[in-house]
Protein backbone atom coordinates (compact mmCIF):
# COMPACT_ATOMS: atom_id res chain seq x y z
CA MET A 1 114.42 88.25 86.54
CA ILE A 2 111.43 90.46 85.69
CA ARG A 3 108.16 88.60 86.27
CA VAL A 4 105.38 89.64 83.85
CA LEU A 5 101.64 88.98 83.85
CA ILE A 6 99.83 89.56 80.55
CA VAL A 7 96.23 90.82 80.79
CA ASP A 8 94.40 90.80 77.46
CA ASP A 9 91.14 89.31 76.22
CA SER A 10 92.68 88.34 72.87
CA ALA A 11 94.27 84.89 72.81
CA ILE A 12 96.40 85.95 69.84
CA VAL A 13 97.77 89.02 71.65
CA ARG A 14 98.49 86.96 74.78
CA LYS A 15 100.36 84.41 72.65
CA VAL A 16 102.38 87.03 70.73
CA LEU A 17 103.31 88.98 73.87
CA THR A 18 104.32 85.77 75.64
CA GLU A 19 106.48 84.65 72.71
CA GLU A 20 108.14 88.04 72.24
CA LEU A 21 108.79 88.74 75.93
CA SER A 22 110.11 85.22 76.46
CA LYS A 23 112.94 85.92 74.00
CA TYR A 24 114.64 88.02 76.69
CA GLU A 25 116.74 86.18 79.26
CA ASP A 26 115.80 88.57 82.06
CA ILE A 27 112.00 88.40 81.51
CA GLU A 28 109.75 85.58 82.67
CA VAL A 29 106.08 85.54 81.69
CA VAL A 30 104.52 84.06 84.82
CA GLY A 31 100.98 83.93 83.49
CA SER A 32 98.16 85.55 81.59
CA ALA A 33 94.60 86.61 82.27
CA ILE A 34 91.63 87.12 79.94
CA ASP A 35 90.07 89.94 81.97
CA PRO A 36 90.63 92.08 85.08
CA TYR A 37 88.76 89.68 87.37
CA VAL A 38 91.06 86.80 86.49
CA ALA A 39 94.01 89.21 86.60
CA ARG A 40 93.18 90.27 90.16
CA ASP A 41 93.44 86.70 91.41
CA LYS A 42 96.60 86.00 89.42
CA ILE A 43 98.30 89.18 90.65
CA VAL A 44 97.75 88.06 94.25
CA ALA A 45 98.86 84.48 93.54
CA LEU A 46 101.79 85.11 91.18
CA ARG A 47 103.11 88.46 92.46
CA PRO A 48 104.36 89.77 89.08
CA ASP A 49 106.81 92.68 88.92
CA VAL A 50 104.91 94.26 86.03
CA ILE A 51 101.73 93.65 84.03
CA THR A 52 100.78 94.38 80.46
CA LEU A 53 97.22 95.64 80.34
CA ASP A 54 94.81 95.83 77.43
CA VAL A 55 92.54 98.90 77.37
CA GLU A 56 89.46 97.32 75.77
CA MET A 57 88.21 94.18 77.54
CA PRO A 58 84.81 92.72 78.42
CA ARG A 59 83.40 92.94 81.96
CA MET A 60 85.75 95.83 82.90
CA ASP A 61 87.94 98.06 80.76
CA GLY A 62 91.65 98.26 81.43
CA LEU A 63 91.67 101.87 82.63
CA SER A 64 88.99 101.21 85.25
CA PHE A 65 90.97 98.20 86.43
CA LEU A 66 94.15 100.26 86.52
CA ALA A 67 92.53 102.84 88.82
CA LYS A 68 91.41 100.10 91.23
CA LEU A 69 94.73 98.27 91.02
CA MET A 70 96.79 101.34 91.91
CA LYS A 71 94.70 101.95 95.04
CA HIS A 72 95.15 98.45 96.41
CA TYR A 73 98.19 96.89 94.74
CA PRO A 74 100.36 99.45 92.95
CA LEU A 75 102.84 98.01 90.49
CA PRO A 76 104.29 99.00 87.10
CA VAL A 77 101.86 98.61 84.19
CA VAL A 78 102.47 98.72 80.44
CA ILE A 79 99.27 99.69 78.62
CA VAL A 80 98.70 97.73 75.41
CA SER A 81 96.12 98.97 72.92
CA SER A 82 95.26 98.66 69.27
CA LEU A 83 93.21 101.85 69.57
CA THR A 84 95.06 104.87 68.23
CA PRO A 85 93.66 108.28 67.29
């Protein structure tokens, strides 16, 4: 079972990702976080195998969080963004 934590400030995106990922038998969404600060605590508590990470979030952007995360708690990350060039 692949344990996933969804990190996104949008409630709609969190809901859609949870619904879509939950359709797979081998994926379990173990939680969600509205920003990197909440995500930090949930990563420690829930120990996900992978996180989805929004790029644009209040308080700290996803790329800054990713840099900090990889130094202290490296794990696979799927970047999710509505920003495209």
